[in-house]
N, C-alpha and C. Protein backbone atom coordinates (compact mmCIF):
# COMPACT_ATOMS: atom_id res chain seq x y z
N MET A 1 11.36 101.36 108.40
CA MET A 1 12.98 101.42 108.66
C MET A 1 13.17 102.67 109.57
N PRO A 2 14.31 102.53 110.13
CA PRO A 2 14.72 103.66 111.50
C PRO A 2 15.22 104.64 110.52
N VAL A 3 14.51 105.86 110.60
CA VAL A 3 15.26 107.77 110.32
C VAL A 3 16.59 107.72 110.71
N GLU A 4 17.52 107.98 109.92
CA GLU A 4 18.59 108.27 110.70
C GLU A 4 18.84 109.95 110.77
N PRO A 5 19.51 110.09 111.37
CA PRO A 5 19.30 111.56 112.11
C PRO A 5 20.07 112.43 111.20
N PRO A 6 20.07 113.85 110.66
CA PRO A 6 20.14 114.24 109.31
C PRO A 6 21.90 114.77 109.82
N SER A 7 22.76 114.63 108.90
CA SER A 7 24.00 114.89 109.03
C SER A 7 24.29 116.27 109.61
N THR A 8 25.31 116.53 109.80
CA THR A 8 25.79 117.79 110.31
C THR A 8 27.03 118.31 109.38
N ALA A 9 26.55 119.41 108.87
CA ALA A 9 27.58 119.45 107.78
C ALA A 9 29.22 120.34 108.55
N PRO A 10 30.27 120.05 108.01
CA PRO A 10 31.27 120.30 108.96
C PRO A 10 31.61 121.41 108.70
N VAL A 11 32.11 122.64 110.02
CA VAL A 11 32.33 124.04 109.94
C VAL A 11 33.58 124.24 108.75
N ARG A 12 33.28 125.19 108.02
CA ARG A 12 34.31 125.56 106.34
C ARG A 12 35.29 126.45 107.10
N VAL A 13 36.67 125.93 106.91
CA VAL A 13 37.81 127.31 107.46
C VAL A 13 38.72 127.50 106.15
N LEU A 14 38.66 128.91 106.64
CA LEU A 14 39.74 129.63 105.88
C LEU A 14 40.75 129.97 106.14
N LEU A 15 42.18 129.54 106.24
CA LEU A 15 43.25 129.64 106.96
C LEU A 15 44.22 131.08 106.05
N VAL A 16 44.37 132.40 106.64
CA VAL A 16 44.86 133.07 106.15
C VAL A 16 46.38 133.11 106.92
N GLU A 17 47.42 132.57 106.37
CA GLU A 17 48.83 132.70 106.92
C GLU A 17 49.88 132.48 106.03
N ASP A 18 50.98 133.45 106.14
CA ASP A 18 51.61 133.34 104.89
C ASP A 18 52.98 132.41 104.98
N HIS A 19 53.08 132.20 106.57
CA HIS A 19 54.22 131.06 106.53
C HIS A 19 53.90 129.70 106.44
N ASP A 20 54.56 128.95 105.06
CA ASP A 20 54.28 127.70 104.71
C ASP A 20 54.26 126.68 106.38
N MET A 21 55.23 126.54 107.04
CA MET A 21 55.41 125.35 107.88
C MET A 21 53.86 126.16 108.93
N VAL A 22 53.90 127.42 109.59
CA VAL A 22 52.75 127.53 110.42
C VAL A 22 51.53 127.10 109.39
N ALA A 23 51.29 127.31 108.46
CA ALA A 23 50.04 126.96 107.88
C ALA A 23 49.89 125.54 107.56
N GLN A 24 50.58 124.68 107.69
CA GLN A 24 50.77 123.26 107.10
C GLN A 24 50.38 122.88 108.87
N ALA A 25 50.81 123.30 109.72
CA ALA A 25 50.93 122.60 111.08
C ALA A 25 48.89 122.83 111.32
N LEU A 26 48.79 124.34 111.24
CA LEU A 26 47.27 124.70 111.45
C LEU A 26 46.19 123.83 110.84
N GLU A 27 46.72 123.74 109.26
CA GLU A 27 45.49 122.71 108.86
C GLU A 27 45.47 121.31 109.28
N LEU A 28 47.18 120.85 109.47
CA LEU A 28 46.93 119.50 110.09
C LEU A 28 46.10 119.12 111.58
N ALA A 29 46.47 120.61 112.24
CA ALA A 29 45.91 120.28 113.46
C ALA A 29 43.88 120.31 113.28
N LEU A 30 43.66 121.61 112.22
CA LEU A 30 42.58 121.32 112.32
C LEU A 30 41.39 120.58 111.23
N GLU A 31 42.30 119.67 110.50
CA GLU A 31 41.47 118.84 109.87
C GLU A 31 41.81 117.42 110.85
N ARG A 32 41.94 117.22 111.60
CA ARG A 32 42.31 116.35 112.51
C ARG A 32 40.81 116.47 113.53
N SER A 33 40.88 117.59 113.85
CA SER A 33 39.07 117.98 114.46
C SER A 33 38.17 117.20 114.21
N PRO A 34 37.48 116.62 114.96
CA PRO A 34 36.04 116.32 114.03
C PRO A 34 34.74 117.19 113.87
N GLY A 35 34.53 117.70 112.91
CA GLY A 35 33.78 119.08 112.54
C GLY A 35 34.19 120.24 111.90
N LEU A 36 35.70 120.26 111.47
CA LEU A 36 36.37 120.76 111.14
C LEU A 36 36.58 120.54 109.82
N THR A 37 36.60 121.15 108.47
CA THR A 37 37.55 120.91 107.70
C THR A 37 38.24 122.71 106.70
N VAL A 38 39.12 122.32 106.40
CA VAL A 38 40.19 123.38 105.93
C VAL A 38 39.74 123.71 104.45
N VAL A 39 38.91 124.77 104.22
CA VAL A 39 38.63 124.71 102.57
C VAL A 39 39.63 125.11 101.71
N GLY A 40 40.38 126.31 102.04
CA GLY A 40 41.72 126.94 101.54
C GLY A 40 42.68 128.02 102.46
N ARG A 41 43.50 128.06 101.80
CA ARG A 41 44.65 129.08 102.51
C ARG A 41 44.77 130.58 101.79
N SER A 42 45.13 131.55 102.19
CA SER A 42 45.35 132.33 101.68
C SER A 42 46.36 133.16 102.23
N ARG A 43 47.49 133.84 101.37
CA ARG A 43 48.56 134.28 101.80
C ARG A 43 48.89 135.55 102.23
N SER A 44 47.69 136.72 102.11
CA SER A 44 47.70 137.78 102.10
C SER A 44 46.20 138.18 102.29
N ARG A 45 46.44 139.72 102.88
CA ARG A 45 45.12 140.56 103.22
C ARG A 45 43.96 140.49 101.96
N GLU A 46 44.50 140.81 100.60
CA GLU A 46 43.85 141.01 99.60
C GLU A 46 43.29 139.91 99.18
N SER A 47 44.17 138.72 99.23
CA SER A 47 43.81 137.32 98.53
C SER A 47 42.47 136.69 99.67
N ALA A 48 43.16 136.89 101.21
CA ALA A 48 41.65 136.45 101.50
C ALA A 48 40.29 136.84 101.67
N THR A 49 40.29 138.05 101.04
CA THR A 49 38.94 138.63 100.71
C THR A 49 38.34 137.71 99.61
N THR A 50 39.08 138.08 98.76
CA THR A 50 38.97 137.27 97.55
C THR A 50 38.74 135.93 97.38
N ASP A 51 39.76 135.16 98.44
CA ASP A 51 38.98 133.76 98.90
C ASP A 51 37.57 133.47 99.64
N ALA A 52 37.64 134.59 100.29
CA ALA A 52 36.30 133.95 101.30
C ALA A 52 35.05 134.10 100.45
N ALA A 53 35.13 135.11 99.31
CA ALA A 53 33.88 135.45 98.32
C ALA A 53 33.34 134.32 97.56
N ARG A 54 34.94 133.52 97.46
CA ARG A 54 34.90 132.21 96.40
C ARG A 54 34.60 131.30 97.35
N LEU A 55 34.95 131.09 98.37
CA LEU A 55 34.69 130.04 99.00
C LEU A 55 33.52 129.78 100.23
N ARG A 56 33.62 131.03 100.52
CA ARG A 56 32.33 131.02 101.53
C ARG A 56 32.46 130.57 103.17
N PRO A 57 33.29 130.47 103.59
CA PRO A 57 33.80 129.78 104.73
C PRO A 57 32.82 130.37 105.82
N ASP A 58 32.96 129.64 107.03
CA ASP A 58 32.09 129.57 107.88
C ASP A 58 32.81 130.65 108.83
N VAL A 59 34.09 130.13 109.08
CA VAL A 59 35.55 130.57 110.15
C VAL A 59 36.62 131.17 109.02
N VAL A 60 36.95 132.09 109.52
CA VAL A 60 38.57 132.69 108.93
C VAL A 60 39.53 132.96 110.16
N VAL A 61 40.40 131.81 109.88
CA VAL A 61 41.22 132.01 110.87
C VAL A 61 42.70 133.21 109.88
N LEU A 62 42.36 133.69 111.16
CA LEU A 62 43.57 135.14 110.18
C LEU A 62 44.68 135.68 110.85
N ASP A 63 46.10 135.28 109.89
CA ASP A 63 47.04 135.64 111.12
C ASP A 63 47.14 137.72 110.82
N ARG A 64 47.25 138.03 111.77
CA ARG A 64 47.27 139.18 111.97
C ARG A 64 48.21 140.25 111.32
N ARG A 65 49.51 139.70 111.24
CA ARG A 65 50.86 140.40 110.08
C ARG A 65 50.55 139.53 109.16
N LEU A 66 50.49 140.46 107.66
CA LEU A 66 50.43 139.51 106.52
C LEU A 66 51.77 140.86 105.77
N PRO A 67 51.92 139.84 104.49
CA PRO A 67 52.75 140.79 103.95
C PRO A 67 52.08 142.19 103.00
N ASP A 68 50.77 142.07 102.96
CA ASP A 68 50.38 143.48 102.60
C ASP A 68 49.59 144.08 103.75
N GLY A 69 49.62 144.25 104.88
CA GLY A 69 49.52 144.86 106.15
C GLY A 69 48.91 143.88 107.25
N ASP A 70 48.27 144.94 107.87
CA ASP A 70 47.74 144.40 109.46
C ASP A 70 46.46 143.38 108.99
N GLY A 71 46.30 142.19 109.34
CA GLY A 71 45.50 141.35 109.13
C GLY A 71 43.79 142.06 109.53
N VAL A 72 43.83 142.68 110.80
CA VAL A 72 43.02 143.31 111.53
C VAL A 72 42.13 143.98 110.65
N ALA A 73 42.85 145.17 109.72
CA ALA A 73 42.27 145.77 108.47
C ALA A 73 41.13 145.30 107.95
N ALA A 74 41.23 143.50 107.69
CA ALA A 74 40.61 142.62 106.63
C ALA A 74 39.44 142.26 107.25
N ILE A 75 39.13 142.67 108.75
CA ILE A 75 38.28 141.86 109.19
C ILE A 75 36.30 142.31 108.92
N GLY A 76 36.37 143.59 108.78
CA GLY A 76 34.91 144.09 108.06
C GLY A 76 34.50 143.86 107.20
N GLU A 77 35.70 143.08 106.06
CA GLU A 77 35.39 143.31 104.75
C GLU A 77 35.09 141.33 104.87
N LEU A 78 35.65 140.85 105.59
CA LEU A 78 35.42 139.58 105.87
C LEU A 78 34.15 138.90 106.62
N ALA A 79 33.67 139.87 107.57
CA ALA A 79 32.65 140.12 108.41
C ALA A 79 31.13 139.92 107.42
N ALA A 80 31.63 141.16 106.57
CA ALA A 80 30.56 141.64 105.43
C ALA A 80 30.11 140.11 104.59
N LEU A 81 31.16 139.21 104.33
CA LEU A 81 30.88 138.05 103.38
C LEU A 81 30.37 137.11 104.54
N GLY A 82 30.08 137.25 105.66
CA GLY A 82 29.14 136.59 106.27
C GLY A 82 30.33 135.60 106.60
N SER A 83 31.84 135.67 107.07
CA SER A 83 32.42 134.53 107.84
C SER A 83 32.74 135.47 109.64
N ARG A 84 32.79 134.54 110.28
CA ARG A 84 33.46 134.73 111.66
C ARG A 84 34.88 134.64 111.35
N VAL A 85 35.30 135.69 112.15
CA VAL A 85 36.59 135.72 112.07
C VAL A 85 37.47 135.46 113.31
N LEU A 86 38.87 134.68 113.33
CA LEU A 86 39.43 134.64 114.41
C LEU A 86 40.47 134.95 114.27
N VAL A 87 41.35 135.80 114.83
CA VAL A 87 42.92 136.53 114.80
C VAL A 87 43.71 135.62 115.37
N LEU A 88 44.81 135.43 114.84
CA LEU A 88 45.96 134.28 115.44
C LEU A 88 47.27 135.97 115.22
N THR A 89 48.07 135.58 116.33
CA THR A 89 49.25 136.73 116.55
C THR A 89 50.12 135.99 117.13
N GLY A 90 50.97 136.48 116.95
CA GLY A 90 52.31 135.97 117.74
C GLY A 90 52.59 137.14 119.15
N ASP A 91 51.95 137.90 119.36
CA ASP A 91 52.20 138.87 120.58
C ASP A 91 50.83 139.80 120.14
N ALA A 92 50.47 140.29 121.36
CA ALA A 92 49.28 141.19 121.52
C ALA A 92 49.08 142.11 122.88
N THR A 93 48.24 143.16 122.68
CA THR A 93 48.33 143.73 123.92
C THR A 93 46.72 143.82 124.18
N PRO A 94 46.21 144.47 124.68
CA PRO A 94 44.60 144.45 125.44
C PRO A 94 44.08 145.66 124.26
N ALA A 95 45.45 146.67 124.06
CA ALA A 95 44.68 147.77 122.79
C ALA A 95 44.30 146.90 121.49
N VAL A 96 45.34 146.10 120.92
CA VAL A 96 45.26 145.16 119.88
C VAL A 96 43.92 144.07 119.77
N ALA A 97 44.01 143.86 120.90
CA ALA A 97 42.74 142.94 121.19
C ALA A 97 41.34 143.54 120.88
N ALA A 98 41.30 144.88 121.60
CA ALA A 98 40.04 145.76 121.87
C ALA A 98 39.88 146.01 119.78
N ARG A 99 40.82 146.33 119.37
CA ARG A 99 40.54 146.74 118.06
C ARG A 99 39.86 145.41 117.25
N VAL A 100 40.47 144.24 117.85
CA VAL A 100 40.08 143.20 116.93
C VAL A 100 38.17 142.86 116.88
N ALA A 101 37.88 143.70 118.55
CA ALA A 101 36.54 143.21 118.63
C ALA A 101 35.79 144.30 118.06
N GLU A 102 36.54 145.47 118.29
CA GLU A 102 36.02 146.53 117.70
C GLU A 102 35.34 146.36 115.91
N ALA A 103 36.43 145.92 115.43
CA ALA A 103 36.24 145.43 113.83
C ALA A 103 35.39 144.49 113.48
N GLY A 104 35.06 144.19 114.63
CA GLY A 104 33.97 142.82 114.15
C GLY A 104 34.09 141.28 114.35
N GLY A 105 35.79 141.35 114.78
CA GLY A 105 36.28 139.78 114.90
C GLY A 105 35.84 139.06 116.30
N ARG A 106 35.63 138.22 116.06
CA ARG A 106 34.98 136.87 117.11
C ARG A 106 35.97 136.37 118.04
N GLY A 107 37.22 136.86 117.89
CA GLY A 107 38.38 136.13 118.93
C GLY A 107 39.61 136.70 118.36
N LEU A 108 40.71 136.36 119.58
CA LEU A 108 42.04 136.53 119.31
C LEU A 108 42.75 135.59 120.11
N LEU A 109 43.93 134.76 119.43
CA LEU A 109 44.42 133.98 120.34
C LEU A 109 46.18 134.13 119.84
N LEU A 110 46.78 134.14 121.02
CA LEU A 110 48.16 134.05 120.43
C LEU A 110 48.83 132.90 119.98
N LYS A 111 49.64 132.17 118.97
CA LYS A 111 50.18 131.53 118.48
C LYS A 111 50.95 130.23 119.50
N SER A 112 50.99 130.86 120.67
CA SER A 112 51.76 130.20 121.42
C SER A 112 50.50 129.00 122.56
N ALA A 113 49.23 129.28 122.03
CA ALA A 113 48.46 128.70 122.45
C ALA A 113 48.49 126.93 121.82
N PRO A 114 48.15 126.05 122.69
CA PRO A 114 48.09 124.68 122.38
C PRO A 114 47.36 124.80 120.89
N LEU A 115 47.51 123.89 120.53
CA LEU A 115 46.62 123.29 119.27
C LEU A 115 45.30 122.91 119.72
N ASN A 116 44.87 122.18 120.18
CA ASN A 116 43.65 122.17 120.75
C ASN A 116 42.96 123.26 121.34
N VAL A 117 43.54 124.02 122.13
CA VAL A 117 43.04 125.37 122.30
C VAL A 117 42.65 126.24 120.68
N LEU A 118 43.14 126.11 119.78
CA LEU A 118 42.91 126.47 118.32
C LEU A 118 41.65 125.92 118.32
N GLU A 119 41.33 124.61 118.05
CA GLU A 119 40.55 123.89 117.65
C GLU A 119 39.24 124.18 118.27
N SER A 120 39.36 123.90 119.33
CA SER A 120 37.87 124.45 120.19
C SER A 120 37.62 125.83 120.38
N ALA A 121 38.59 126.94 119.82
CA ALA A 121 38.33 128.31 119.43
C ALA A 121 37.54 128.40 118.19
N VAL A 122 38.36 127.56 117.38
CA VAL A 122 37.26 127.73 116.10
C VAL A 122 35.64 127.10 116.35
N GLN A 123 35.52 126.00 116.83
CA GLN A 123 34.53 125.48 117.07
C GLN A 123 33.27 126.31 117.91
N ARG A 124 33.79 127.22 118.98
CA ARG A 124 32.90 127.92 119.81
C ARG A 124 32.70 129.29 118.67
N VAL A 125 33.57 129.70 117.80
CA VAL A 125 33.53 131.09 117.19
C VAL A 125 32.37 130.53 116.23
N ALA A 126 32.32 129.82 115.67
CA ALA A 126 31.57 129.04 114.42
C ALA A 126 30.09 128.79 115.31
N ALA A 127 30.10 128.47 116.49
CA ALA A 127 28.68 128.27 117.06
C ALA A 127 28.37 129.76 117.69
N GLY A 128 29.14 131.06 117.54
CA GLY A 128 28.27 132.04 117.54
C GLY A 128 28.79 132.86 118.90
N GLU A 129 29.99 131.95 119.55
CA GLU A 129 30.63 132.33 120.66
C GLU A 129 31.78 133.28 120.44
N VAL A 130 32.21 134.22 121.39
CA VAL A 130 33.61 135.24 121.08
C VAL A 130 34.45 134.80 122.14
N VAL A 131 35.55 134.31 121.38
CA VAL A 131 37.07 133.63 122.27
C VAL A 131 38.01 134.51 122.18
N PHE A 132 38.77 135.12 123.33
CA PHE A 132 39.90 135.92 123.58
C PHE A 132 40.60 135.40 124.35
N ASP A 133 42.09 135.72 124.29
CA ASP A 133 43.29 134.93 124.80
C ASP A 133 42.79 135.25 126.47
N ALA A 134 42.82 134.58 127.10
CA ALA A 134 42.63 134.69 128.92
C ALA A 134 43.06 135.97 129.13
N GLY A 135 44.32 136.09 128.78
CA GLY A 135 45.40 136.76 129.55
C GLY A 135 44.99 138.50 128.92
N LEU A 136 44.17 138.60 127.91
CA LEU A 136 44.10 139.67 127.29
C LEU A 136 42.59 140.32 127.67
N LEU A 137 41.46 139.57 128.21
CA LEU A 137 40.36 139.40 128.29
C LEU A 137 39.98 140.98 129.34
N PRO A 138 40.56 140.54 130.27
CA PRO A 138 40.22 141.94 131.34
C PRO A 138 40.77 143.45 130.71
N GLY A 139 41.98 143.26 130.07
CA GLY A 139 42.04 144.43 129.29
C GLY A 139 41.41 145.08 128.48
N VAL A 140 40.62 144.06 127.41
CA VAL A 140 39.93 144.45 126.57
C VAL A 140 38.56 144.71 126.84
N LEU A 141 38.03 144.15 127.81
CA LEU A 141 36.56 144.59 128.62
C LEU A 141 36.66 145.82 129.24
N GLU A 142 37.98 146.65 129.77
CA GLU A 142 38.19 147.74 130.27
C GLU A 142 38.10 148.60 128.92
N ARG A 143 38.79 148.55 127.97
CA ARG A 143 38.85 149.03 126.95
C ARG A 143 37.60 149.84 126.63
N LEU A 144 36.88 148.83 126.41
CA LEU A 144 35.72 148.84 125.65
C LEU A 144 34.62 149.07 126.57
N SER A 145 34.50 148.98 127.88
CA SER A 145 33.81 149.98 128.63
C SER A 145 33.49 151.33 128.50
N GLY A 146 34.62 152.14 128.11
CA GLY A 146 34.69 153.34 127.45
C GLY A 146 33.57 153.61 126.78
N ARG A 147 32.90 152.70 126.03
CA ARG A 147 32.14 153.09 125.06
C ARG A 147 30.97 152.92 125.47
N THR A 148 30.17 152.81 126.97
CA THR A 148 29.30 152.15 127.26
C THR A 148 27.97 153.50 127.42
N ARG A 149 26.84 152.88 127.34
CA ARG A 149 26.06 153.75 128.10
C ARG A 149 25.08 153.25 129.04
N GLY A 150 24.51 153.78 130.14
CA GLY A 150 23.99 153.44 130.93
C GLY A 150 22.51 153.32 130.95
N GLY A 151 21.78 153.20 132.29
CA GLY A 151 20.37 153.41 132.15
C GLY A 151 19.78 151.93 131.86
N ALA A 152 20.46 150.57 131.54
CA ALA A 152 19.53 149.45 131.33
C ALA A 152 18.99 149.04 132.28
N THR A 153 18.01 148.38 132.46
CA THR A 153 17.28 147.46 133.17
C THR A 153 16.82 146.31 132.91
N LEU A 154 17.66 145.01 133.68
CA LEU A 154 17.58 143.81 133.22
C LEU A 154 16.47 143.31 134.28
N THR A 155 15.63 141.85 133.84
CA THR A 155 14.94 141.02 134.47
C THR A 155 16.11 140.03 135.27
N ALA A 156 15.44 139.34 136.44
CA ALA A 156 16.54 138.81 137.14
C ALA A 156 16.73 137.33 136.19
N ARG A 157 15.96 137.26 135.40
CA ARG A 157 16.63 136.00 134.32
C ARG A 157 17.86 136.65 133.58
N GLU A 158 17.75 137.62 133.14
CA GLU A 158 18.53 138.23 132.19
C GLU A 158 19.73 138.70 132.83
N GLN A 159 19.53 139.24 133.95
CA GLN A 159 20.63 139.55 135.27
C GLN A 159 21.69 138.29 135.54
N GLU A 160 20.74 137.07 135.53
CA GLU A 160 21.75 135.95 135.36
C GLU A 160 22.35 135.50 134.60
N THR A 161 21.56 135.61 133.27
CA THR A 161 22.55 135.40 131.99
C THR A 161 23.31 136.20 131.96
N LEU A 162 23.54 137.62 132.11
CA LEU A 162 24.81 138.51 132.07
C LEU A 162 25.90 138.09 132.78
N GLN A 163 25.40 137.56 134.33
CA GLN A 163 26.82 137.07 135.25
C GLN A 163 27.73 135.78 134.32
N LEU A 164 26.65 135.09 133.84
CA LEU A 164 27.39 134.05 133.53
C LEU A 164 28.36 134.25 132.33
N LEU A 165 27.43 135.40 131.57
CA LEU A 165 27.96 135.99 130.46
C LEU A 165 29.44 136.42 131.10
N ALA A 166 29.65 136.93 131.98
CA ALA A 166 31.04 137.66 132.88
C ALA A 166 31.76 136.53 132.83
N GLU A 167 31.35 135.60 133.51
CA GLU A 167 32.02 134.09 133.94
C GLU A 167 32.83 133.69 132.72
N GLY A 168 32.53 134.14 131.29
CA GLY A 168 33.35 133.20 129.95
C GLY A 168 32.28 131.76 129.77
N ALA A 169 31.23 131.93 130.54
CA ALA A 169 30.20 130.57 130.09
C ALA A 169 29.87 130.95 128.30
N SER A 170 29.70 129.68 128.15
CA SER A 170 29.17 129.62 126.54
C SER A 170 27.48 129.30 126.53
N THR A 171 27.10 129.81 125.38
CA THR A 171 25.99 129.56 125.47
C THR A 171 25.06 128.35 125.59
N GLU A 172 25.67 126.95 125.76
CA GLU A 172 25.52 125.58 126.06
C GLU A 172 25.39 125.35 127.58
N GLU A 173 26.55 126.32 128.27
CA GLU A 173 26.75 125.98 129.53
C GLU A 173 25.66 127.11 130.10
N ILE A 174 25.41 128.07 129.49
CA ILE A 174 24.33 128.76 130.24
C ILE A 174 23.07 128.50 130.42
N GLY A 175 22.75 127.82 129.07
CA GLY A 175 21.24 126.86 129.13
C GLY A 175 21.41 125.81 130.41
N ASP A 176 22.51 125.42 130.36
CA ASP A 176 22.68 124.03 131.59
C ASP A 176 22.53 124.74 133.00
N ARG A 177 23.27 125.67 133.06
CA ARG A 177 23.26 126.63 134.28
C ARG A 177 21.74 127.14 134.84
N LEU A 178 20.96 127.42 133.90
CA LEU A 178 19.64 128.17 134.46
C LEU A 178 18.39 126.82 134.12
N GLY A 179 19.23 125.51 133.11
CA GLY A 179 17.99 125.04 132.87
C GLY A 179 16.81 125.04 132.05
N VAL A 180 17.28 125.63 130.96
CA VAL A 180 16.54 126.18 129.82
C VAL A 180 16.99 125.58 128.59
N THR A 181 16.25 125.53 127.43
CA THR A 181 16.71 125.06 126.29
C THR A 181 17.89 126.32 125.34
N ARG A 182 18.52 125.82 124.49
CA ARG A 182 19.16 126.46 123.43
C ARG A 182 18.75 127.86 123.06
N ASN A 183 17.43 127.54 122.49
CA ASN A 183 17.00 128.87 122.25
C ASN A 183 16.39 130.07 122.98
N THR A 184 15.87 129.46 123.89
CA THR A 184 15.81 130.45 125.16
C THR A 184 16.75 130.94 125.47
N THR A 185 17.74 130.33 125.74
CA THR A 185 19.31 130.86 126.02
C THR A 185 19.74 131.89 125.41
N ARG A 186 19.43 131.55 123.65
CA ARG A 186 19.84 132.81 122.99
C ARG A 186 19.01 133.81 123.25
N ASN A 187 17.78 133.44 123.24
CA ASN A 187 16.83 134.55 123.38
C ASN A 187 17.08 135.52 124.58
N HIS A 188 17.83 134.80 125.59
CA HIS A 188 17.93 135.89 127.05
C HIS A 188 19.39 136.52 126.46
N VAL A 189 20.05 136.11 125.93
CA VAL A 189 21.30 136.75 125.54
C VAL A 189 21.01 137.77 124.75
N GLN A 190 20.23 137.94 123.69
CA GLN A 190 20.08 138.62 122.66
C GLN A 190 19.15 139.87 123.34
N ARG A 191 18.25 139.84 124.47
CA ARG A 191 17.92 140.81 125.50
C ARG A 191 18.75 141.47 125.92
N VAL A 192 19.78 140.97 126.59
CA VAL A 192 20.90 141.23 127.30
C VAL A 192 21.48 142.48 126.24
N LEU A 193 21.66 142.09 125.31
CA LEU A 193 22.71 143.04 124.36
C LEU A 193 22.02 143.99 124.13
N GLU A 194 20.36 143.52 123.58
CA GLU A 194 20.01 144.86 123.12
C GLU A 194 19.55 145.89 124.03
N LYS A 195 19.09 145.37 125.48
CA LYS A 195 19.22 146.52 126.50
C LYS A 195 20.52 147.31 126.59
N LEU A 196 21.59 146.63 126.31
CA LEU A 196 23.07 147.14 126.84
C LEU A 196 23.61 147.95 125.81
N GLY A 197 23.03 147.83 124.59
CA GLY A 197 23.31 148.53 123.27
C GLY A 197 24.65 147.86 122.83
N ALA A 198 24.73 146.68 122.97
CA ALA A 198 26.30 145.98 122.61
C ALA A 198 25.44 145.25 121.22
N ARG A 199 27.40 144.97 120.57
CA ARG A 199 27.33 144.33 119.37
C ARG A 199 27.80 142.79 119.49
N SER A 200 28.16 142.25 120.64
CA SER A 200 28.48 141.22 120.89
C SER A 200 28.48 141.19 122.70
N LYS A 201 28.70 139.72 122.82
CA LYS A 201 28.82 139.15 124.51
C LYS A 201 29.75 140.10 125.25
N LEU A 202 31.18 140.13 124.32
CA LEU A 202 32.27 141.07 125.27
C LEU A 202 32.01 142.43 125.35
N GLU A 203 31.52 143.37 124.35
CA GLU A 203 30.61 144.55 124.58
C GLU A 203 29.67 144.71 125.72
N ALA A 204 28.41 143.13 125.98
CA ALA A 204 27.67 143.46 126.87
C ALA A 204 28.49 143.73 128.27
N VAL A 205 29.10 142.53 128.54
CA VAL A 205 29.85 142.23 129.30
C VAL A 205 30.58 143.34 130.15
N ALA A 206 31.50 144.25 129.23
CA ALA A 206 32.31 145.88 129.21
C ALA A 206 31.61 146.73 129.51
N PHE A 207 30.09 146.65 129.08
CA PHE A 207 29.19 148.00 129.25
C PHE A 207 28.62 147.64 130.67
N ALA A 208 28.30 146.47 131.06
CA ALA A 208 27.41 145.93 132.62
C ALA A 208 28.59 146.36 133.27
N ARG A 209 29.99 146.25 133.34
CA ARG A 209 30.27 146.32 134.18
C ARG A 209 30.82 147.76 134.46
N ARG A 210 30.84 148.25 133.22
CA ARG A 210 31.06 150.17 133.69
C ARG A 210 29.59 150.69 134.26
N ASP A 211 28.57 150.19 133.81
CA ASP A 211 27.16 150.21 134.30
C ASP A 211 26.87 149.96 135.68
N GLY A 212 27.89 149.43 136.75
CA GLY A 212 27.57 148.70 137.55
C GLY A 212 26.72 147.56 138.00
N LEU A 213 26.22 147.02 136.71
CA LEU A 213 25.43 146.18 136.80
C LEU A 213 25.96 144.56 136.76
N LEU A 214 27.13 144.70 137.35
CA LEU A 214 28.18 143.26 137.66
C LEU A 214 28.49 143.46 138.96
N ASP A 215 28.77 142.28 139.71
CA ASP A 215 29.66 142.56 140.96
C ASP A 215 31.21 142.80 140.56
């Protein structure tokens, strides 16, 4: 008998949104995307952490403005529970986006973005990528670069990896460009982060620009 390939579990998503119409639209969009399933919805910052502890979602799609305060303040608790956090907001500045990154958030999108962009962002965040609105990314990198430390020495392959990270390439794209496996790519990325003293790919690019490691 042929052996069937193992099934891939869907990405479990918790929505944190207090407006019913918006939440329903988001849920419909995410549920129609292969590989995503919405496991719950929270309406406040406090309930988000309670629900995340109970449901253990892979990704939390977090509204920034909630009835009990700024959603960004909940990122640390949600990340500590093992969830990756993608923030949604009606408007944002580079300073807000930098706060999200510094708090451990994996990305920030504007609510004006097309729903298919949100679907892709959730999948990328679940896969370990960092996804920020393209219009905010340069400002985020500039602000984060103020915390860099110099002195890193990268190998030629690590420098190539860093350059691709700066171009916004995903792990899969980097592997394809370099002609190496996904695990090898992850190892290259991890060594770049360690050498630059960065906690995320986004920080690594910011630090490298400040240190003159990127053109």
